Every structure is written in C-alpha cells, then in structure tokens.
Amino acid sequence: MAEILEVLMVISFGASWPFNVIKSYKARTAKGKSLLFLCLILFGYIVGIASKLVNDAYMANFADKWYVLFFYCLNFIMVSADLIVYFRNKKLDKENKD
C-alpha cells in the first residue's frame, strides 16, 4: 500500500511537468522561473532515485515494484527538460534585451 501511495504522489507531481514545460517553451522568457527551484526539485528526484537503489528490500522485489523507480526517472527527465527550456529562454531574454 505504501508503494501505491508513493506512486500516486510521484504521478501527481509528474502530471504537472509536461504542462509546465510546454508553457515555458511557448512563453519564450525565463522571467518568473526560478533556477534554484528547478535545481532543488532535480536534487529531490536524484535522492529519491538513489533511495530506491540503495534500499535492499526494494531492490529484492524490483521485478514487482519497478514502476515506482520508473516514475521517479520520468519526472527527473521532465524537470530536466524544463531546465533546458529555462536556459534557452534565458538566452532569448538576453538576445531580446540587446
């Protein structure tokens, strides 16, 4: 039951990232975005992934619980995409300023 609740939490967080990435991409500006926030979220997913990998009980049942790690990795990828868009938009902001 704990794994199901954890997956639901990670899915809930992850469901918002694609919309955020698309919105950031279309906005073409980094204004209102926080680099620190994105980096802290990425760090959180890294330690979440690491916690699964070093958990002997989880790894012993990995074949049955692989989906938990999958969603952590998927969210990490989505936040990484948002970080890439952030730097693209930061560059666009600089170009539009000149």
Protein backbone atom coordinates (compact mmCIF):
# COMPACT_ATOMS: atom_id res chain seq x y z
CA MET A 1 0.00 0.00 0.00
CA ALA A 2 2.87 2.40 0.79
CA GLU A 3 4.30 1.92 -2.71
CA ILE A 4 0.93 2.65 -4.32
CA LEU A 5 0.59 5.87 -2.34
CA GLU A 6 4.16 6.83 -3.25
CA VAL A 7 3.49 6.19 -6.93
CA LEU A 8 0.31 8.27 -6.77
CA MET A 9 2.30 11.12 -5.21
CA VAL A 10 5.01 10.94 -7.86
CA ILE A 11 2.43 10.69 -10.67
CA SER A 12 0.58 13.70 -9.28
CA PHE A 13 3.76 15.75 -9.26
CA GLY A 14 4.78 14.40 -12.65
CA ALA A 15 1.46 15.16 -14.32
CA SER A 16 2.10 18.88 -13.99
CA TRP A 17 5.58 18.94 -15.52
CA PRO A 18 4.64 18.42 -19.19
CA PHE A 19 2.22 21.36 -18.97
CA ASN A 20 4.88 23.47 -17.28
CA VAL A 21 7.49 22.63 -19.91
CA ILE A 22 5.09 23.49 -22.75
CA LYS A 23 4.07 26.75 -21.08
CA SER A 24 7.72 27.72 -20.53
CA TYR A 25 8.59 26.85 -24.12
CA LYS A 26 5.75 28.94 -25.53
CA ALA A 27 6.44 31.87 -23.17
CA ARG A 28 9.95 32.29 -24.62
CA THR A 29 11.10 34.01 -21.43
CA ALA A 30 12.72 32.88 -18.20
CA LYS A 31 11.03 35.67 -16.25
CA GLY A 32 9.13 34.26 -13.32
CA LYS A 33 11.10 30.99 -13.31
CA SER A 34 13.45 30.03 -10.52
CA LEU A 35 16.65 28.20 -11.33
CA LEU A 36 17.09 27.36 -7.65
CA PHE A 37 13.62 25.81 -7.52
CA LEU A 38 14.29 23.62 -10.58
CA CYS A 39 17.66 22.53 -9.18
CA LEU A 40 16.13 21.64 -5.81
CA ILE A 41 13.40 19.60 -7.49
CA LEU A 42 16.04 17.78 -9.57
CA PHE A 43 18.07 17.11 -6.44
CA GLY A 44 14.95 15.72 -4.75
CA TYR A 45 14.37 13.29 -7.60
CA ILE A 46 18.04 12.27 -7.60
CA VAL A 47 17.95 11.40 -3.91
CA GLY A 48 14.57 9.70 -4.37
CA ILE A 49 16.04 7.52 -7.11
CA ALA A 50 19.15 6.86 -5.00
CA SER A 51 16.98 5.89 -2.03
CA LYS A 52 15.32 3.21 -4.13
CA LEU A 53 18.62 1.91 -5.49
CA VAL A 54 20.20 1.54 -2.03
CA ASN A 55 17.07 0.04 -0.43
CA ASP A 56 17.74 -3.70 -0.23
CA ALA A 57 14.07 -4.56 0.35
CA TYR A 58 13.01 -2.57 -2.71
CA MET A 59 15.74 -4.00 -4.91
CA ALA A 60 14.93 -7.55 -3.78
CA ASN A 61 11.41 -7.04 -5.16
CA PHE A 62 12.40 -4.85 -8.10
CA ALA A 63 10.62 -7.05 -10.64
CA ASP A 64 7.34 -6.39 -8.84
CA LYS A 65 7.96 -2.71 -8.00
CA TRP A 66 9.91 -1.35 -10.97
CA TYR A 67 7.15 1.16 -11.73
CA VAL A 68 8.00 3.28 -8.66
CA LEU A 69 11.53 3.91 -9.92
CA PHE A 70 10.20 4.40 -13.45
CA PHE A 71 8.03 7.34 -12.38
CA TYR A 72 10.86 8.93 -10.41
CA CYS A 73 13.04 8.75 -13.53
CA LEU A 74 10.27 10.05 -15.78
CA ASN A 75 9.77 13.06 -13.50
CA PHE A 76 13.52 13.66 -13.43
CA ILE A 77 13.52 13.74 -17.24
CA MET A 78 10.60 16.18 -17.32
CA VAL A 79 12.23 18.56 -14.83
CA SER A 80 15.48 18.29 -16.80
CA ALA A 81 13.57 19.28 -19.95
CA ASP A 82 12.17 22.28 -18.08
CA LEU A 83 15.71 23.20 -17.02
CA ILE A 84 16.86 23.05 -20.65
CA VAL A 85 13.95 25.28 -21.67
CA TYR A 86 14.87 27.65 -18.84
CA PHE A 87 18.38 28.14 -20.25
CA ARG A 88 17.01 28.50 -23.78
CA ASN A 89 14.61 31.17 -22.55
CA LYS A 90 17.35 32.89 -20.56
CA LYS A 91 19.34 33.13 -23.80
CA LEU A 92 16.30 34.53 -25.62
CA ASP A 93 15.81 37.09 -22.85
CA LYS A 94 19.42 38.22 -23.28
CA GLU A 95 19.06 38.45 -27.07
CA ASN A 96 15.84 40.46 -26.80
CA LYS A 97 17.45 42.84 -24.30
CA ASP A 98 20.18 43.85 -26.74
